[in-house]
Amino acid sequence: MKLSTKGRYGLRAMLDLAINSEQEDAVCIQSISERQNISESYLEQLVRKLRTAGLVKSVRGAGGGYRLARPADQISVGDVLRALEGSIEAVTCGEDGACEQMDVCVTRLVWERVNKAIEESVDTIMLSQLVEESRKKNSVAQIDTKECVN
């Protein structure tokens, strides 16, 4: 499985939202774009899909922007990737009768296990865990920076 920029950038945008919506009422596309170095027009496309999937909600008016639709500990990486990429299977084997050897193919067991492992991995990593990891990395980076300045 190879993720496109939709999945990679969308996950970065969701992480940015999770981190920054704790401090602000809503986060605007422009600020995410600047922090993540992703074009605003591309982010708008991603956020539209994330909103349709019920992962983000828009806030109108002055100070408007976007917020997570659910707490970060209730949004998995799998939720985000499926909203943006569709299927996250490594191999779509035997779906819709596409394979004439589906009933006798032994390698299908391999692909089923691979797909299940991917699903289990992305569905057990929550956005809140990424927020925590980000905080750890940023605190280490700040310590390293302070050491370099002195």
N, C-alpha and C. Protein backbone atom coordinates (compact mmCIF):
# COMPACT_ATOMS: atom_id res chain seq x y z
N MET A 1 0.84 -1.18 0.00
CA MET A 1 0.00 0.00 0.00
C MET A 1 0.88 1.24 0.00
N LYS A 2 0.59 2.14 -0.89
CA LYS A 2 1.31 3.40 -0.92
C LYS A 2 0.28 4.52 -0.82
N LEU A 3 0.44 5.34 0.21
CA LEU A 3 -0.48 6.44 0.41
C LEU A 3 -0.14 7.59 -0.52
N SER A 4 -1.17 8.27 -0.98
CA SER A 4 -0.96 9.46 -1.80
C SER A 4 -0.75 10.66 -0.88
N THR A 5 -0.52 11.80 -1.50
CA THR A 5 -0.37 13.03 -0.70
C THR A 5 -1.67 13.35 0.03
N LYS A 6 -2.80 12.90 -0.49
CA LYS A 6 -4.07 13.15 0.23
C LYS A 6 -4.01 12.59 1.63
N GLY A 7 -3.60 11.35 1.77
CA GLY A 7 -3.52 10.71 3.08
C GLY A 7 -2.46 11.33 3.96
N ARG A 8 -1.28 11.55 3.39
CA ARG A 8 -0.17 12.09 4.18
C ARG A 8 -0.44 13.52 4.63
N TYR A 9 -0.85 14.38 3.69
CA TYR A 9 -1.11 15.77 4.03
C TYR A 9 -2.36 15.90 4.90
N GLY A 10 -3.34 15.08 4.62
CA GLY A 10 -4.58 15.12 5.41
C GLY A 10 -4.34 14.75 6.86
N LEU A 11 -3.49 13.76 7.09
CA LEU A 11 -3.16 13.38 8.46
C LEU A 11 -2.39 14.50 9.16
N ARG A 12 -1.48 15.14 8.43
CA ARG A 12 -0.75 16.28 9.00
C ARG A 12 -1.72 17.41 9.35
N ALA A 13 -2.68 17.66 8.49
CA ALA A 13 -3.67 18.72 8.74
C ALA A 13 -4.53 18.37 9.95
N MET A 14 -4.93 17.13 10.07
CA MET A 14 -5.73 16.70 11.23
C MET A 14 -4.93 16.83 12.52
N LEU A 15 -3.66 16.49 12.48
CA LEU A 15 -2.81 16.63 13.65
C LEU A 15 -2.66 18.10 14.01
N ASP A 16 -2.48 18.94 13.02
CA ASP A 16 -2.38 20.38 13.24
C ASP A 16 -3.66 20.90 13.89
N LEU A 17 -4.80 20.47 13.36
CA LEU A 17 -6.09 20.86 13.95
C LEU A 17 -6.20 20.40 15.39
N ALA A 18 -5.81 19.18 15.66
CA ALA A 18 -5.91 18.63 17.01
C ALA A 18 -5.05 19.42 17.99
N ILE A 19 -3.85 19.77 17.57
CA ILE A 19 -2.94 20.51 18.45
C ILE A 19 -3.42 21.94 18.64
N ASN A 20 -3.79 22.60 17.56
CA ASN A 20 -4.08 24.03 17.63
C ASN A 20 -5.50 24.37 18.00
N SER A 21 -6.43 23.45 17.85
CA SER A 21 -7.80 23.76 18.26
C SER A 21 -7.95 23.68 19.77
N GLU A 22 -6.94 23.13 20.46
CA GLU A 22 -6.97 23.15 21.93
C GLU A 22 -6.73 24.58 22.43
N GLN A 23 -6.00 25.37 21.65
CA GLN A 23 -5.64 26.72 22.05
C GLN A 23 -6.56 27.77 21.43
N GLU A 24 -7.20 27.45 20.34
CA GLU A 24 -8.05 28.40 19.62
C GLU A 24 -9.45 27.80 19.47
N ASP A 25 -10.42 28.68 19.23
CA ASP A 25 -11.78 28.19 19.00
C ASP A 25 -11.87 27.41 17.70
N ALA A 26 -11.23 27.93 16.68
CA ALA A 26 -11.22 27.27 15.38
C ALA A 26 -9.89 27.60 14.71
N VAL A 27 -9.50 26.78 13.79
CA VAL A 27 -8.23 26.95 13.10
C VAL A 27 -8.53 27.21 11.63
N CYS A 28 -7.96 28.28 11.10
CA CYS A 28 -8.23 28.61 9.69
C CYS A 28 -7.29 27.85 8.77
N ILE A 29 -7.75 27.65 7.56
CA ILE A 29 -6.98 26.93 6.54
C ILE A 29 -5.63 27.62 6.32
N GLN A 30 -5.63 28.92 6.30
CA GLN A 30 -4.39 29.66 6.05
C GLN A 30 -3.31 29.34 7.08
N SER A 31 -3.68 29.25 8.35
CA SER A 31 -2.68 28.97 9.38
C SER A 31 -2.16 27.54 9.28
N ILE A 32 -3.03 26.60 8.94
CA ILE A 32 -2.58 25.22 8.73
C ILE A 32 -1.64 25.19 7.53
N SER A 33 -2.01 25.88 6.47
CA SER A 33 -1.20 25.93 5.26
C SER A 33 0.20 26.45 5.56
N GLU A 34 0.29 27.50 6.33
CA GLU A 34 1.60 28.08 6.66
C GLU A 34 2.43 27.14 7.53
N ARG A 35 1.81 26.56 8.54
CA ARG A 35 2.56 25.68 9.44
C ARG A 35 2.99 24.38 8.77
N GLN A 36 2.14 23.84 7.90
CA GLN A 36 2.40 22.54 7.29
C GLN A 36 3.00 22.62 5.89
N ASN A 37 3.10 23.84 5.36
CA ASN A 37 3.64 24.05 4.02
C ASN A 37 2.87 23.24 2.97
N ILE A 38 1.54 23.38 3.04
CA ILE A 38 0.62 22.73 2.10
C ILE A 38 -0.23 23.85 1.50
N SER A 39 -0.47 23.81 0.21
CA SER A 39 -1.24 24.89 -0.43
C SER A 39 -2.65 24.96 0.15
N GLU A 40 -3.16 26.17 0.24
CA GLU A 40 -4.51 26.39 0.78
C GLU A 40 -5.57 25.69 -0.06
N SER A 41 -5.42 25.76 -1.39
CA SER A 41 -6.44 25.15 -2.25
C SER A 41 -6.47 23.63 -2.08
N TYR A 42 -5.30 23.02 -1.90
CA TYR A 42 -5.26 21.57 -1.69
C TYR A 42 -5.85 21.23 -0.33
N LEU A 43 -5.52 22.02 0.68
CA LEU A 43 -6.09 21.80 2.02
C LEU A 43 -7.61 21.91 2.00
N GLU A 44 -8.13 22.86 1.26
CA GLU A 44 -9.58 23.01 1.17
C GLU A 44 -10.23 21.75 0.62
N GLN A 45 -9.60 21.14 -0.38
CA GLN A 45 -10.12 19.88 -0.94
C GLN A 45 -10.11 18.77 0.12
N LEU A 46 -9.00 18.69 0.86
CA LEU A 46 -8.88 17.66 1.89
C LEU A 46 -9.89 17.87 3.01
N VAL A 47 -10.01 19.11 3.45
CA VAL A 47 -10.93 19.41 4.56
C VAL A 47 -12.37 19.14 4.15
N ARG A 48 -12.70 19.38 2.89
CA ARG A 48 -14.05 19.08 2.40
C ARG A 48 -14.34 17.59 2.57
N LYS A 49 -13.39 16.74 2.21
CA LYS A 49 -13.58 15.29 2.37
C LYS A 49 -13.65 14.90 3.85
N LEU A 50 -12.81 15.52 4.67
CA LEU A 50 -12.81 15.23 6.10
C LEU A 50 -14.12 15.67 6.74
N ARG A 51 -14.67 16.78 6.26
CA ARG A 51 -15.95 17.26 6.79
C ARG A 51 -17.08 16.32 6.38
N THR A 52 -17.06 15.89 5.13
CA THR A 52 -18.08 14.94 4.65
C THR A 52 -18.05 13.65 5.46
N ALA A 53 -16.85 13.24 5.86
CA ALA A 53 -16.69 12.01 6.65
C ALA A 53 -17.02 12.22 8.14
N GLY A 54 -17.34 13.45 8.52
CA GLY A 54 -17.70 13.73 9.91
C GLY A 54 -16.50 13.81 10.85
N LEU A 55 -15.33 14.10 10.32
CA LEU A 55 -14.13 14.20 11.15
C LEU A 55 -13.80 15.63 11.57
N VAL A 56 -14.21 16.59 10.76
CA VAL A 56 -14.04 18.00 11.11
C VAL A 56 -15.37 18.71 10.93
N LYS A 57 -15.48 19.85 11.61
CA LYS A 57 -16.67 20.69 11.42
C LYS A 57 -16.21 22.12 11.23
N SER A 58 -17.00 22.87 10.48
CA SER A 58 -16.64 24.25 10.21
C SER A 58 -17.29 25.16 11.24
N VAL A 59 -16.58 26.25 11.53
CA VAL A 59 -17.06 27.27 12.44
C VAL A 59 -17.14 28.56 11.63
N ARG A 60 -18.33 29.13 11.55
CA ARG A 60 -18.53 30.33 10.73
C ARG A 60 -18.30 31.59 11.55
N GLY A 61 -18.13 32.69 10.82
CA GLY A 61 -18.04 33.99 11.45
C GLY A 61 -16.61 34.41 11.76
N ALA A 62 -16.53 35.54 12.49
CA ALA A 62 -15.21 36.05 12.88
C ALA A 62 -14.50 35.00 13.72
N GLY A 63 -13.25 34.78 13.41
CA GLY A 63 -12.51 33.74 14.12
C GLY A 63 -12.92 32.35 13.71
N GLY A 64 -13.58 32.25 12.56
CA GLY A 64 -14.04 30.95 12.08
C GLY A 64 -12.91 30.11 11.51
N GLY A 65 -13.25 28.92 11.17
CA GLY A 65 -12.28 27.98 10.62
C GLY A 65 -12.79 26.57 10.81
N TYR A 66 -11.94 25.70 11.28
CA TYR A 66 -12.31 24.29 11.45
C TYR A 66 -11.87 23.78 12.81
N ARG A 67 -12.61 22.78 13.29
CA ARG A 67 -12.31 22.08 14.53
C ARG A 67 -12.52 20.59 14.28
N LEU A 68 -11.98 19.79 15.15
CA LEU A 68 -12.28 18.36 15.08
C LEU A 68 -13.75 18.16 15.43
N ALA A 69 -14.40 17.25 14.76
CA ALA A 69 -15.81 16.98 15.03
C ALA A 69 -15.98 16.08 16.26
N ARG A 70 -14.93 15.35 16.60
CA ARG A 70 -14.94 14.48 17.78
C ARG A 70 -13.63 14.70 18.53
N PRO A 71 -13.56 14.29 19.77
CA PRO A 71 -12.29 14.38 20.49
C PRO A 71 -11.20 13.57 19.78
N ALA A 72 -9.96 14.03 19.92
CA ALA A 72 -8.83 13.39 19.23
C ALA A 72 -8.65 11.93 19.63
N ASP A 73 -9.09 11.58 20.83
CA ASP A 73 -8.94 10.17 21.24
C ASP A 73 -10.04 9.28 20.65
N GLN A 74 -10.93 9.87 19.87
CA GLN A 74 -11.97 9.10 19.20
C GLN A 74 -11.82 9.10 17.68
N ILE A 75 -10.69 9.61 17.20
CA ILE A 75 -10.43 9.63 15.76
C ILE A 75 -9.14 8.84 15.51
N SER A 76 -9.26 7.78 14.73
CA SER A 76 -8.08 6.96 14.45
C SER A 76 -7.43 7.42 13.14
N VAL A 77 -6.18 7.03 12.98
CA VAL A 77 -5.48 7.28 11.73
C VAL A 77 -6.24 6.60 10.60
N GLY A 78 -6.79 5.43 10.85
CA GLY A 78 -7.58 4.73 9.85
C GLY A 78 -8.80 5.52 9.40
N ASP A 79 -9.46 6.21 10.35
CA ASP A 79 -10.61 7.05 9.99
C ASP A 79 -10.19 8.12 8.98
N VAL A 80 -9.06 8.75 9.25
CA VAL A 80 -8.57 9.83 8.39
C VAL A 80 -8.18 9.28 7.03
N LEU A 81 -7.42 8.20 7.02
CA LEU A 81 -6.95 7.65 5.75
C LEU A 81 -8.10 7.16 4.89
N ARG A 82 -9.10 6.51 5.48
CA ARG A 82 -10.25 6.04 4.70
C ARG A 82 -11.04 7.21 4.13
N ALA A 83 -11.17 8.28 4.91
CA ALA A 83 -11.91 9.45 4.43
C ALA A 83 -11.24 10.06 3.21
N LEU A 84 -9.92 10.02 3.17
CA LEU A 84 -9.18 10.68 2.10
C LEU A 84 -8.77 9.75 0.97
N GLU A 85 -8.45 8.51 1.29
CA GLU A 85 -7.91 7.59 0.30
C GLU A 85 -8.94 6.57 -0.20
N GLY A 86 -10.01 6.38 0.56
CA GLY A 86 -10.93 5.29 0.24
C GLY A 86 -10.40 4.04 0.89
N SER A 87 -10.31 2.97 0.16
CA SER A 87 -9.81 1.70 0.68
C SER A 87 -8.33 1.83 1.06
N ILE A 88 -7.96 1.20 2.18
CA ILE A 88 -6.56 1.21 2.58
C ILE A 88 -5.94 -0.18 2.45
N GLU A 89 -6.60 -1.03 1.69
CA GLU A 89 -6.08 -2.37 1.48
C GLU A 89 -4.85 -2.34 0.60
N ALA A 90 -3.90 -3.20 0.92
CA ALA A 90 -2.70 -3.33 0.09
C ALA A 90 -3.05 -4.02 -1.23
N VAL A 91 -3.92 -5.01 -1.15
CA VAL A 91 -4.34 -5.76 -2.32
C VAL A 91 -5.84 -5.99 -2.23
N THR A 92 -6.54 -5.68 -3.29
CA THR A 92 -7.97 -5.98 -3.34
C THR A 92 -8.10 -7.28 -4.12
N CYS A 93 -8.16 -8.34 -3.40
CA CYS A 93 -8.11 -9.67 -3.99
C CYS A 93 -9.49 -10.32 -3.98
N GLY A 94 -9.98 -10.63 -5.16
CA GLY A 94 -11.21 -11.40 -5.27
C GLY A 94 -12.49 -10.63 -5.04
N GLU A 95 -12.41 -9.31 -4.96
CA GLU A 95 -13.63 -8.54 -4.76
C GLU A 95 -14.49 -8.54 -6.01
N ASP A 96 -15.76 -8.60 -5.83
CA ASP A 96 -16.73 -8.53 -6.92
C ASP A 96 -16.49 -9.60 -7.99
N GLY A 97 -15.95 -10.74 -7.59
CA GLY A 97 -15.71 -11.82 -8.53
C GLY A 97 -14.67 -11.51 -9.58
N ALA A 98 -13.80 -10.53 -9.29
CA ALA A 98 -12.79 -10.10 -10.27
C ALA A 98 -11.76 -11.18 -10.55
N CYS A 99 -11.61 -12.12 -9.64
CA CYS A 99 -10.60 -13.17 -9.82
C CYS A 99 -11.31 -14.51 -10.06
N GLU A 100 -11.00 -15.12 -11.15
CA GLU A 100 -11.66 -16.39 -11.47
C GLU A 100 -11.13 -17.55 -10.64
N GLN A 101 -9.98 -17.37 -9.97
CA GLN A 101 -9.43 -18.44 -9.14
C GLN A 101 -9.65 -18.18 -7.64
N MET A 102 -10.54 -17.29 -7.33
CA MET A 102 -10.79 -16.88 -5.95
C MET A 102 -11.04 -18.06 -5.01
N ASP A 103 -11.77 -19.04 -5.46
CA ASP A 103 -12.13 -20.18 -4.60
C ASP A 103 -10.97 -21.13 -4.33
N VAL A 104 -9.96 -21.15 -5.17
CA VAL A 104 -8.85 -22.09 -5.01
C VAL A 104 -7.50 -21.41 -4.76
N CYS A 105 -7.48 -20.12 -4.73
CA CYS A 105 -6.22 -19.38 -4.62
C CYS A 105 -5.72 -19.35 -3.17
N VAL A 106 -4.57 -19.93 -2.96
CA VAL A 106 -3.97 -20.00 -1.62
C VAL A 106 -3.33 -18.66 -1.24
N THR A 107 -2.82 -17.92 -2.20
CA THR A 107 -2.16 -16.64 -1.88
C THR A 107 -3.15 -15.61 -1.35
N ARG A 108 -4.41 -15.84 -1.58
CA ARG A 108 -5.43 -14.93 -1.05
C ARG A 108 -5.33 -14.82 0.47
N LEU A 109 -4.95 -15.92 1.13
CA LEU A 109 -4.77 -15.89 2.59
C LEU A 109 -3.70 -14.89 3.00
N VAL A 110 -2.65 -14.78 2.20
CA VAL A 110 -1.58 -13.82 2.48
C VAL A 110 -2.14 -12.40 2.43
N TRP A 111 -2.86 -12.10 1.36
CA TRP A 111 -3.37 -10.73 1.18
C TRP A 111 -4.41 -10.38 2.24
N GLU A 112 -5.20 -11.35 2.64
CA GLU A 112 -6.17 -11.09 3.71
C GLU A 112 -5.45 -10.74 5.02
N ARG A 113 -4.37 -11.46 5.33
CA ARG A 113 -3.61 -11.18 6.55
C ARG A 113 -2.92 -9.82 6.48
N VAL A 114 -2.36 -9.50 5.33
CA VAL A 114 -1.69 -8.21 5.15
C VAL A 114 -2.72 -7.08 5.32
N ASN A 115 -3.85 -7.21 4.67
CA ASN A 115 -4.89 -6.19 4.78
C ASN A 115 -5.38 -6.03 6.22
N LYS A 116 -5.56 -7.16 6.90
CA LYS A 116 -6.02 -7.12 8.29
C LYS A 116 -4.97 -6.44 9.18
N ALA A 117 -3.69 -6.72 8.95
CA ALA A 117 -2.62 -6.11 9.74
C ALA A 117 -2.59 -4.59 9.54
N ILE A 118 -2.77 -4.16 8.30
CA ILE A 118 -2.81 -2.72 8.02
C ILE A 118 -3.98 -2.08 8.76
N GLU A 119 -5.15 -2.68 8.63
CA GLU A 119 -6.34 -2.15 9.30
C GLU A 119 -6.15 -2.05 10.81
N GLU A 120 -5.64 -3.14 11.41
CA GLU A 120 -5.44 -3.13 12.86
C GLU A 120 -4.44 -2.05 13.27
N SER A 121 -3.41 -1.86 12.47
CA SER A 121 -2.40 -0.85 12.80
C SER A 121 -2.98 0.56 12.78
N VAL A 122 -3.61 0.92 11.67
CA VAL A 122 -4.10 2.30 11.55
C VAL A 122 -5.33 2.57 12.41
N ASP A 123 -6.08 1.52 12.75
CA ASP A 123 -7.27 1.72 13.57
C ASP A 123 -6.96 1.80 15.06
N THR A 124 -5.76 1.42 15.45
CA THR A 124 -5.41 1.48 16.87
C THR A 124 -4.53 2.67 17.21
N ILE A 125 -4.12 3.44 16.21
CA ILE A 125 -3.37 4.67 16.47
C ILE A 125 -4.36 5.82 16.44
N MET A 126 -4.51 6.47 17.58
CA MET A 126 -5.47 7.56 17.69
C MET A 126 -4.78 8.91 17.50
N LEU A 127 -5.53 9.88 17.03
CA LEU A 127 -4.99 11.22 16.81
C LEU A 127 -4.41 11.79 18.11
N SER A 128 -5.02 11.48 19.23
CA SER A 128 -4.52 11.97 20.52
C SER A 128 -3.11 11.44 20.80
N GLN A 129 -2.80 10.23 20.36
CA GLN A 129 -1.46 9.68 20.54
C GLN A 129 -0.45 10.47 19.71
N LEU A 130 -0.84 10.87 18.51
CA LEU A 130 0.04 11.65 17.67
C LEU A 130 0.27 13.04 18.27
N VAL A 131 -0.76 13.60 18.87
CA VAL A 131 -0.62 14.90 19.55
C VAL A 131 0.41 14.78 20.66
N GLU A 132 0.31 13.73 21.44
CA GLU A 132 1.25 13.51 22.55
C GLU A 132 2.67 13.31 22.04
N GLU A 133 2.83 12.53 20.98
CA GLU A 133 4.15 12.33 20.39
C GLU A 133 4.72 13.64 19.86
N SER A 134 3.88 14.44 19.27
CA SER A 134 4.31 15.74 18.75
C SER A 134 4.81 16.63 19.88
N ARG A 135 4.10 16.62 20.97
CA ARG A 135 4.53 17.43 22.13
C ARG A 135 5.88 16.95 22.65
N LYS A 136 6.08 15.65 22.72
CA LYS A 136 7.37 15.10 23.18
C LYS A 136 8.49 15.54 22.25
N LYS A 137 8.27 15.40 20.95
CA LYS A 137 9.31 15.76 19.99
C LYS A 137 9.60 17.25 20.04
N ASN A 138 8.56 18.07 20.18
CA ASN A 138 8.77 19.51 20.24
C ASN A 138 9.51 19.93 21.50
N SER A 139 9.24 19.26 22.61
CA SER A 139 9.96 19.61 23.84
C SER A 139 11.43 19.20 23.73
N VAL A 140 11.72 18.08 23.09
CA VAL A 140 13.11 17.67 22.86
C VAL A 140 13.79 18.65 21.91
N ALA A 141 13.08 19.07 20.86
CA ALA A 141 13.65 20.01 19.90
C ALA A 141 13.96 21.35 20.57
N GLN A 142 13.10 21.78 21.48
CA GLN A 142 13.34 23.04 22.19
C GLN A 142 14.56 22.92 23.09
N ILE A 143 14.71 21.80 23.74
CA ILE A 143 15.89 21.57 24.58
C ILE A 143 17.14 21.58 23.73
N ASP A 144 17.11 20.88 22.59
CA ASP A 144 18.26 20.85 21.69
C ASP A 144 18.61 22.25 21.18
N THR A 145 17.60 23.03 20.84
CA THR A 145 17.82 24.39 20.35
C THR A 145 18.47 25.25 21.43
N LYS A 146 18.00 25.12 22.66
CA LYS A 146 18.58 25.90 23.74
C LYS A 146 20.05 25.54 23.94
N GLU A 147 20.38 24.28 23.79
CA GLU A 147 21.76 23.86 23.94
C GLU A 147 22.63 24.44 22.84
N CYS A 148 22.10 24.57 21.63
CA CYS A 148 22.87 25.09 20.51
C CYS A 148 23.11 26.59 20.64
N VAL A 149 22.15 27.31 21.21
CA VAL A 149 22.25 28.77 21.33
C VAL A 149 23.33 29.15 22.33
N ASN A 150 23.44 28.41 23.42
CA ASN A 150 24.41 28.77 24.47
C ASN A 150 25.82 28.58 24.07
